[in-house]
Amino acid sequence: MSRSRTATTFSPPVMEARRWLEGAVFPAGRPLINVSQAAPVEPPPEALRQVIAEAALHDSQAHLYGPVLGRDDLRQEVASQWSAAYGGEIGASQVGITSGCNQAFCATITAICGEGDEVILPVPWYFNHKMWLDMAGVRAVPLQTGADMLPDPAAARALITPATRAIVLVTPNNPGGVEYPAALVRQIYDLARETGLRLIVDETYRDFDARSGAPHDLFQDADWHQTLVQLYSFSKAYRLTGHRVGAMVAGRAVLAEAEKFLDTVTICPNQLGQIAALWGMRNLGQWLAGERDEILDRRAAIEAAMPLLTAQGWQLAGCGAYFAYLRHPYAQPSHELAPKLVREAGVLLLPGTMFRPADDPRGARELRVAFANVDRDGIGGLFQRLAGLRWPLATDVDRA
């Protein structure tokens, strides 16, 4: 008997981590520090909530089915703002609105891949990308990254086979936090174009990139739509996680195929969420700049606090956007350390084993910290707790 599609992949990592909290007690003087998930827990700014409320009360169309690929006004706004930001030409017909960025990825893979095809994913990878490839019958081909957590175009080229359909990049990266240099993104784009592949660039965290200006120049190519698919999330920018609004920017042929998938899954993206995203794009630029400044300050706080941990053998592998990726010095593997941290330190984070193939030993030495919901003081408290651990250390052989 064949297995179901869902049985081909693992359980959702964030849900698994939440189960570690069952039965745990956190004293008033040492509350839980939850750095397991990147989704912001604060609600949208009040002005945006008011827009949603007004639309719910007074816009009857907001409660009906809308276009499968999203509202025309939001598609046009994305096209206009992206064209200006990236210095390229993007039309509204090359923008699709989806129910979150995860769905944008699923729609893209469904549109360009068939059973038994291959997609190259740099590791550590975003686990939901791997989960969807598993369920779609597409083989995820791991592309190892270097000590700097950046992929090597030459190594990517060596992995291409007749079954390869796409290369996926996430920048700023989840889980690693690193920002891929524009020149590197260009090299991998050129590789994809040369070999007839799609390059899928997930820019969920583009609003929190530490660099000014466009993070790459791919949209400046007149034929970008033949190679590039860009994914985006409004959830992180405007705290709209529960409204599920994302976007995919691609050629019209890809969007036509994606539309078939979207029509059979959600029929249309959430209307109220789209109204909120459009208003946010037009009115919350200054507010979003402040959010970016806060995230960059937290990133600086992590980098400033790292000497406290490096003295004990920890390493900061990557840091940026919402994430810090750490290599720990302990004998126990990370999948055992992570639940132990809940019980003994009041810290919930994710082990590196959740971001790598099961047979990849590097995950045992890695931990991901998602700092979207901890401020500078909270980061200080987190590092104090990690510095206070007195667990058996790994040998040099174990760390290799």
Protein backbone atom coordinates (compact mmCIF):
# COMPACT_ATOMS: atom_id res chain seq x y z
CA MET A 1 0.00 0.00 0.00
CA SER A 2 1.37 3.40 -0.94
CA ARG A 3 1.83 6.16 1.62
CA SER A 4 -0.23 9.31 1.65
CA ARG A 5 1.45 12.50 0.47
CA THR A 6 1.56 13.92 4.00
CA ALA A 7 3.18 10.73 5.29
CA THR A 8 6.20 11.41 3.07
CA THR A 9 7.39 14.28 5.24
CA PHE A 10 8.01 15.18 8.89
CA SER A 11 5.74 16.83 11.47
CA PRO A 12 5.64 20.65 11.60
CA PRO A 13 8.73 21.67 13.62
CA VAL A 14 7.16 24.66 15.39
CA MET A 15 4.26 22.51 16.57
CA GLU A 16 6.69 19.87 17.78
CA ALA A 17 8.63 22.49 19.73
CA ARG A 18 5.46 23.79 21.38
CA ARG A 19 4.82 20.32 22.76
CA TRP A 20 8.03 20.64 24.75
CA LEU A 21 6.22 23.23 26.87
CA GLU A 22 3.64 20.70 28.11
CA GLY A 23 4.01 20.33 31.87
CA ALA A 24 6.83 22.88 32.08
CA VAL A 25 6.65 25.42 34.92
CA PHE A 26 8.37 28.79 34.64
CA PRO A 27 8.92 30.74 37.89
CA ALA A 28 7.74 34.34 37.99
CA GLY A 29 11.33 35.50 38.22
CA ARG A 30 12.37 33.49 35.19
CA PRO A 31 9.59 33.48 32.58
CA LEU A 32 9.87 31.58 29.34
CA ILE A 33 11.98 33.23 26.64
CA ASN A 34 10.37 32.05 23.41
CA VAL A 35 12.66 32.47 20.41
CA SER A 36 11.28 29.55 18.42
CA GLN A 37 9.16 31.30 15.79
CA ALA A 38 9.67 34.37 13.60
CA ALA A 39 6.05 35.50 13.43
CA PRO A 40 5.53 38.81 15.28
CA VAL A 41 3.05 38.47 18.15
CA GLU A 42 2.11 42.14 18.39
CA PRO A 43 -1.03 43.20 16.47
CA PRO A 44 -0.87 45.56 13.49
CA PRO A 45 -0.70 49.29 14.30
CA GLU A 46 -4.04 50.71 15.40
CA ALA A 47 -4.56 52.73 12.23
CA LEU A 48 -4.28 49.58 10.15
CA ARG A 49 -6.67 47.69 12.43
CA GLN A 50 -9.13 50.55 11.96
CA VAL A 51 -8.86 50.14 8.18
CA ILE A 52 -9.65 46.44 8.51
CA ALA A 53 -12.60 47.17 10.80
CA GLU A 54 -14.03 49.80 8.45
CA ALA A 55 -13.72 47.47 5.49
CA ALA A 56 -15.40 44.66 7.41
CA LEU A 57 -18.31 46.91 8.35
CA HIS A 58 -18.81 48.94 5.21
CA ASP A 59 -17.28 47.17 2.19
CA SER A 60 -19.65 44.37 1.19
CA GLN A 61 -17.21 43.16 -1.49
CA ALA A 62 -14.67 42.37 1.23
CA HIS A 63 -16.77 39.37 2.27
CA LEU A 64 -17.07 37.83 -1.20
CA TYR A 65 -14.82 35.81 -3.42
CA GLY A 66 -12.28 37.95 -5.21
CA PRO A 67 -9.95 37.28 -8.15
CA VAL A 68 -7.92 34.10 -7.76
CA LEU A 69 -4.64 35.96 -8.29
CA GLY A 70 -5.62 38.80 -5.97
CA ARG A 71 -7.13 42.27 -6.10
CA ASP A 72 -6.12 44.40 -9.06
CA ASP A 73 -5.26 47.41 -6.89
CA LEU A 74 -2.85 45.43 -4.69
CA ARG A 75 -1.23 43.72 -7.67
CA GLN A 76 -0.71 47.11 -9.30
CA GLU A 77 0.77 48.60 -6.12
CA VAL A 78 3.25 45.75 -5.76
CA ALA A 79 4.24 46.09 -9.41
CA SER A 80 4.71 49.85 -9.08
CA GLN A 81 6.65 49.81 -5.83
CA TRP A 82 8.81 46.84 -6.83
CA SER A 83 9.64 48.45 -10.18
CA ALA A 84 10.84 51.56 -8.38
CA ALA A 85 12.70 49.66 -5.65
CA TYR A 86 14.53 47.24 -7.95
CA GLY A 87 14.96 49.53 -10.95
CA GLY A 88 13.16 47.17 -13.30
CA GLU A 89 9.91 46.81 -15.20
CA ILE A 90 7.23 44.73 -13.49
CA GLY A 91 3.62 44.70 -14.64
CA ALA A 92 0.55 44.01 -12.53
CA SER A 93 -0.11 40.93 -14.66
CA GLN A 94 3.23 39.55 -13.39
CA VAL A 95 2.12 39.74 -9.74
CA GLY A 96 -0.01 37.17 -7.95
CA ILE A 97 -1.35 37.61 -4.42
CA THR A 98 -1.44 34.44 -2.32
CA SER A 99 -2.59 33.30 1.08
CA GLY A 100 0.82 33.87 2.65
CA CYS A 101 4.30 33.37 1.30
CA ASN A 102 4.24 29.63 2.04
CA GLN A 103 1.38 29.28 -0.41
CA ALA A 104 3.30 31.32 -2.96
CA PHE A 105 6.10 28.74 -2.72
CA CYS A 106 3.69 25.82 -2.99
CA ALA A 107 1.98 27.39 -6.00
CA THR A 108 5.32 28.02 -7.71
CA ILE A 109 6.56 24.47 -7.21
CA THR A 110 3.25 23.04 -8.41
CA ALA A 111 3.38 25.27 -11.48
CA ILE A 112 6.90 24.34 -12.59
CA CYS A 113 7.54 20.80 -11.27
CA GLY A 114 6.23 17.33 -11.89
CA GLU A 115 6.51 14.00 -10.12
CA GLY A 116 10.14 12.99 -9.66
CA ASP A 117 11.62 16.36 -10.51
CA GLU A 118 14.38 17.95 -8.41
CA VAL A 119 14.80 21.33 -6.73
CA ILE A 120 18.08 22.53 -5.22
CA LEU A 121 17.80 23.95 -1.68
CA PRO A 122 20.75 25.47 0.20
CA VAL A 123 21.08 23.97 3.68
CA PRO A 124 20.26 24.73 6.36
CA TRP A 125 16.90 25.08 4.61
CA TYR A 126 13.53 26.52 5.56
CA PHE A 127 11.70 23.42 6.72
CA ASN A 128 8.34 24.27 5.12
CA HIS A 129 10.04 24.38 1.73
CA LYS A 130 11.34 20.86 2.30
CA MET A 131 7.96 19.68 3.56
CA TRP A 132 6.12 20.88 0.45
CA LEU A 133 8.66 19.34 -1.90
CA ASP A 134 8.21 16.02 -0.09
CA MET A 135 4.42 16.20 -0.36
CA ALA A 136 4.61 17.24 -4.01
CA GLY A 137 6.76 14.24 -4.94
CA VAL A 138 9.70 16.52 -5.78
CA ARG A 139 13.18 15.61 -4.57
CA ALA A 140 14.91 18.29 -2.49
CA VAL A 141 18.60 18.30 -3.39
CA PRO A 142 20.66 19.78 -0.53
CA LEU A 143 23.26 22.40 -1.46
CA GLN A 144 25.74 22.69 1.38
CA THR A 145 26.71 26.21 2.39
CA GLY A 146 30.10 27.32 3.66
CA ALA A 147 31.17 28.56 7.08
CA ASP A 148 29.69 31.93 6.06
CA MET A 149 26.36 30.15 5.34
CA LEU A 150 26.43 31.24 1.70
CA PRO A 151 25.93 28.82 -1.22
CA ASP A 152 28.62 28.30 -3.84
CA PRO A 153 27.42 28.66 -7.47
CA ALA A 154 29.98 26.08 -8.60
CA ALA A 155 28.65 23.58 -6.08
CA ALA A 156 25.11 24.33 -7.28
CA ARG A 157 26.15 23.68 -10.88
CA ALA A 158 27.52 20.27 -9.90
CA LEU A 159 24.11 19.27 -8.51
CA ILE A 160 22.14 20.02 -11.68
CA THR A 161 20.73 16.96 -13.47
CA PRO A 162 18.19 16.52 -16.28
CA ALA A 163 15.53 16.33 -13.52
CA THR A 164 16.41 19.70 -11.95
CA ARG A 165 13.75 22.35 -12.33
CA ALA A 166 14.73 25.14 -9.91
CA ILE A 167 17.16 26.57 -7.39
CA VAL A 168 15.73 28.24 -4.28
CA LEU A 169 17.34 31.09 -2.36
CA VAL A 170 16.02 32.72 0.82
CA THR A 171 17.53 36.14 1.52
CA PRO A 172 17.73 37.47 4.17
CA ASN A 173 17.94 33.84 5.09
CA ASN A 174 15.69 31.71 7.25
CA PRO A 175 17.12 30.06 9.30
CA GLY A 176 20.59 31.55 8.98
CA GLY A 177 19.86 35.27 8.96
CA VAL A 178 22.59 35.98 6.39
CA GLU A 179 21.99 38.43 3.57
CA TYR A 180 23.09 37.05 0.22
CA PRO A 181 25.38 39.51 -1.61
CA ALA A 182 23.89 40.90 -4.81
CA ALA A 183 26.80 39.51 -6.82
CA LEU A 184 26.14 36.00 -5.48
CA VAL A 185 22.43 36.20 -6.29
CA ARG A 186 23.35 37.37 -9.79
CA GLN A 187 25.76 34.45 -10.27
CA ILE A 188 23.12 31.89 -9.32
CA TYR A 189 20.55 33.67 -11.49
CA ASP A 190 22.93 33.51 -14.45
CA LEU A 191 23.48 29.82 -13.75
CA ALA A 192 19.73 29.19 -13.70
CA ARG A 193 19.21 31.14 -16.92
CA GLU A 194 22.06 29.34 -18.67
CA THR A 195 20.75 25.91 -17.71
CA GLY A 196 17.06 26.63 -18.29
CA LEU A 197 16.06 26.50 -14.62
CA ARG A 198 13.87 28.75 -12.53
CA LEU A 199 15.47 30.75 -9.73
CA ILE A 200 13.03 31.13 -6.83
CA VAL A 201 14.09 33.95 -4.51
CA ASP A 202 12.13 34.09 -1.27
CA GLU A 203 12.40 37.64 0.08
CA THR A 204 9.99 37.32 2.99
CA TYR A 205 12.35 39.40 5.16
CA ARG A 206 13.41 42.00 2.57
CA ASP A 207 11.98 44.84 4.70
CA PHE A 208 14.54 44.08 7.43
CA ASP A 209 17.65 43.86 5.28
CA ALA A 210 20.46 45.90 6.81
CA ARG A 211 21.59 47.14 3.41
CA SER A 212 20.16 50.22 1.76
CA GLY A 213 18.87 50.09 -1.78
CA ALA A 214 17.88 47.06 -3.82
CA PRO A 215 19.33 43.75 -2.57
CA HIS A 216 19.83 42.55 -6.16
CA ASP A 217 19.48 43.78 -9.75
CA LEU A 218 17.69 40.81 -11.32
CA PHE A 219 14.53 42.72 -12.24
CA GLN A 220 16.63 45.04 -14.39
CA ASP A 221 17.00 42.26 -16.97
CA ALA A 222 14.38 42.69 -19.68
CA ASP A 223 13.75 38.92 -19.72
CA TRP A 224 13.78 38.37 -15.93
CA HIS A 225 10.37 36.69 -16.13
CA GLN A 226 11.84 33.75 -18.04
CA THR A 227 14.01 32.75 -15.07
CA LEU A 228 13.06 34.55 -11.86
CA VAL A 229 10.20 33.94 -9.43
CA GLN A 230 10.24 36.23 -6.42
CA LEU A 231 8.23 35.46 -3.28
CA TYR A 232 7.18 37.95 -0.59
CA SER A 233 5.17 38.14 2.64
CA PHE A 234 3.12 41.05 3.96
CA SER A 235 2.86 39.23 7.29
CA LYS A 236 6.21 40.31 8.65
CA ALA A 237 6.07 43.88 7.33
CA TYR A 238 2.64 44.82 8.69
CA ARG A 239 2.05 42.13 11.36
CA LEU A 240 -0.66 40.50 9.26
CA THR A 241 0.30 36.90 10.02
CA GLY A 242 -3.26 35.79 10.76
CA HIS A 243 -4.62 37.38 7.60
CA ARG A 244 -2.36 35.29 5.33
CA VAL A 245 -1.26 37.63 2.55
CA GLY A 246 1.78 36.96 0.38
CA ALA A 247 2.86 37.56 -3.18
CA MET A 248 4.65 35.93 -6.07
CA VAL A 249 6.21 37.91 -8.92
CA ALA A 250 6.72 35.81 -12.02
CA GLY A 251 6.13 35.51 -15.72
CA ARG A 252 2.53 35.30 -16.87
CA ALA A 253 2.97 31.68 -17.98
CA VAL A 254 3.97 30.63 -14.45
CA LEU A 255 1.12 32.61 -12.92
CA ALA A 256 -1.37 30.98 -15.28
CA GLU A 257 -0.31 27.57 -14.00
CA ALA A 258 -0.22 28.78 -10.38
CA GLU A 259 -3.77 30.09 -10.79
CA LYS A 260 -5.02 26.53 -11.30
CA PHE A 261 -3.50 25.49 -8.00
CA LEU A 262 -4.71 28.55 -6.09
CA ASP A 263 -8.25 28.23 -7.42
CA THR A 264 -8.52 24.69 -6.09
CA VAL A 265 -6.95 25.42 -2.68
CA THR A 266 -8.25 28.77 -1.42
CA ILE A 267 -10.12 30.19 -4.45
CA CYS A 268 -8.88 33.67 -3.54
CA PRO A 269 -6.66 35.33 -0.95
CA ASN A 270 -8.25 36.92 2.12
CA GLN A 271 -9.97 40.13 1.06
CA LEU A 272 -9.55 41.99 4.35
CA GLY A 273 -5.90 41.05 4.46
CA GLN A 274 -5.37 42.39 0.96
CA ILE A 275 -7.12 45.66 1.82
CA ALA A 276 -4.83 45.95 4.85
CA ALA A 277 -1.70 45.15 2.83
CA LEU A 278 -2.56 47.78 0.23
CA TRP A 279 -3.20 50.44 2.86
CA GLY A 280 0.02 49.49 4.61
CA MET A 281 2.05 49.81 1.42
CA ARG A 282 0.61 53.26 0.77
CA ASN A 283 0.65 54.67 4.29
CA LEU A 284 3.02 52.84 6.64
CA GLY A 285 6.41 53.47 5.04
CA GLN A 286 7.69 55.52 7.96
CA TRP A 287 6.26 53.10 10.51
CA LEU A 288 7.90 50.16 8.72
CA ALA A 289 11.22 52.01 8.70
CA GLY A 290 10.94 52.22 12.47
CA GLU A 291 10.25 48.48 12.67
CA ARG A 292 13.36 47.85 10.60
CA ASP A 293 15.43 50.06 12.91
CA GLU A 294 14.22 48.05 15.90
CA ILE A 295 15.14 44.73 14.27
CA LEU A 296 18.57 46.08 13.32
CA ASP A 297 19.07 47.18 16.93
CA ARG A 298 18.27 43.68 18.13
CA ARG A 299 20.73 42.29 15.63
CA ALA A 300 23.38 44.66 17.02
CA ALA A 301 22.50 43.56 20.55
CA ILE A 302 23.11 39.91 19.62
CA GLU A 303 26.45 40.70 18.02
CA ALA A 304 27.46 42.77 21.05
CA ALA A 305 26.49 39.99 23.46
CA MET A 306 28.22 37.16 21.56
CA PRO A 307 31.59 37.47 23.36
CA LEU A 308 29.77 36.20 26.46
CA LEU A 309 29.14 32.94 24.60
CA THR A 310 32.23 32.71 22.39
CA ALA A 311 34.32 32.55 25.54
CA GLN A 312 32.56 29.23 26.22
CA GLY A 313 32.94 27.83 22.72
CA TRP A 314 29.79 29.07 21.01
CA GLN A 315 29.93 30.48 17.46
CA LEU A 316 27.64 32.92 15.68
CA ALA A 317 27.23 31.41 12.21
CA GLY A 318 24.79 33.99 10.89
CA CYS A 319 22.70 36.92 12.06
CA GLY A 320 20.19 39.17 10.32
CA ALA A 321 16.51 39.87 9.71
CA TYR A 322 14.70 37.89 12.45
CA PHE A 323 17.34 35.20 13.02
CA ALA A 324 20.59 34.30 14.69
CA TYR A 325 22.09 30.90 13.90
CA LEU A 326 24.40 29.51 16.56
CA ARG A 327 26.83 26.63 16.87
CA HIS A 328 26.89 25.28 20.41
CA PRO A 329 29.83 23.63 22.22
CA TYR A 330 28.02 20.82 24.06
CA ALA A 331 28.34 17.05 23.79
CA GLN A 332 24.62 16.46 23.41
CA PRO A 333 23.13 16.96 19.95
CA SER A 334 20.86 19.92 19.39
CA HIS A 335 17.66 17.87 19.12
CA GLU A 336 18.25 16.76 22.71
CA LEU A 337 19.53 20.12 23.91
CA ALA A 338 16.53 22.11 22.68
CA PRO A 339 13.88 20.43 24.89
CA LYS A 340 16.41 20.39 27.74
CA LEU A 341 16.79 24.17 27.40
CA VAL A 342 13.06 24.55 28.05
CA ARG A 343 13.26 22.60 31.29
CA GLU A 344 16.58 23.87 32.64
CA ALA A 345 16.89 27.39 31.23
CA GLY A 346 13.36 28.47 30.34
CA VAL A 347 14.36 28.98 26.69
CA LEU A 348 12.43 27.69 23.68
CA LEU A 349 14.35 27.62 20.39
CA LEU A 350 14.73 25.24 17.48
CA PRO A 351 17.53 22.71 16.89
CA GLY A 352 19.55 22.74 13.70
CA THR A 353 18.37 19.20 12.97
CA MET A 354 15.04 20.72 11.92
CA PHE A 355 16.76 22.60 9.09
CA ARG A 356 18.91 19.87 7.55
CA PRO A 357 18.58 16.37 6.08
CA ALA A 358 18.26 13.66 8.70
CA ASP A 359 21.68 12.26 7.82
CA ASP A 360 23.50 15.62 7.99
CA PRO A 361 25.59 15.69 11.21
CA ARG A 362 26.03 19.48 11.17
CA GLY A 363 22.54 20.05 12.52
CA ALA A 364 23.52 18.42 15.81
CA ARG A 365 25.80 21.37 16.56
CA GLU A 366 23.35 24.16 15.56
CA LEU A 367 20.50 26.13 17.12
CA ARG A 368 18.25 28.83 15.64
CA VAL A 369 17.20 31.90 17.61
CA ALA A 370 14.23 33.88 16.19
CA PHE A 371 14.34 37.31 17.83
CA ALA A 372 11.26 38.94 16.32
CA ASN A 373 9.59 39.09 19.72
CA VAL A 374 12.46 39.79 22.12
CA ASP A 375 13.83 43.30 22.56
CA ARG A 376 17.37 44.32 23.53
CA ASP A 377 16.76 43.59 27.22
CA GLY A 378 15.24 40.22 26.36
CA ILE A 379 18.25 39.37 24.25
CA GLY A 380 20.50 40.23 27.18
CA GLY A 381 18.50 37.89 29.39
CA LEU A 382 18.66 35.12 26.80
CA PHE A 383 22.43 35.32 26.53
CA GLN A 384 22.82 35.36 30.30
CA ARG A 385 20.84 32.15 30.54
CA LEU A 386 22.82 30.48 27.77
CA ALA A 387 26.09 31.62 29.33
CA GLY A 388 25.00 30.10 32.63
CA LEU A 389 24.74 26.56 31.25
CA ARG A 390 27.21 24.10 32.67
CA TRP A 391 26.75 21.08 30.48
CA PRO A 392 29.38 18.58 29.25
CA LEU A 393 31.34 19.95 26.32
CA ALA A 394 31.93 18.19 23.03
CA THR A 395 35.38 17.00 22.08
CA ASP A 396 37.15 18.42 19.05
CA VAL A 397 36.23 15.23 17.17
CA ASP A 398 32.54 15.73 18.01
CA ARG A 399 32.64 19.31 16.66
CA ALA A 400 34.28 18.38 13.37
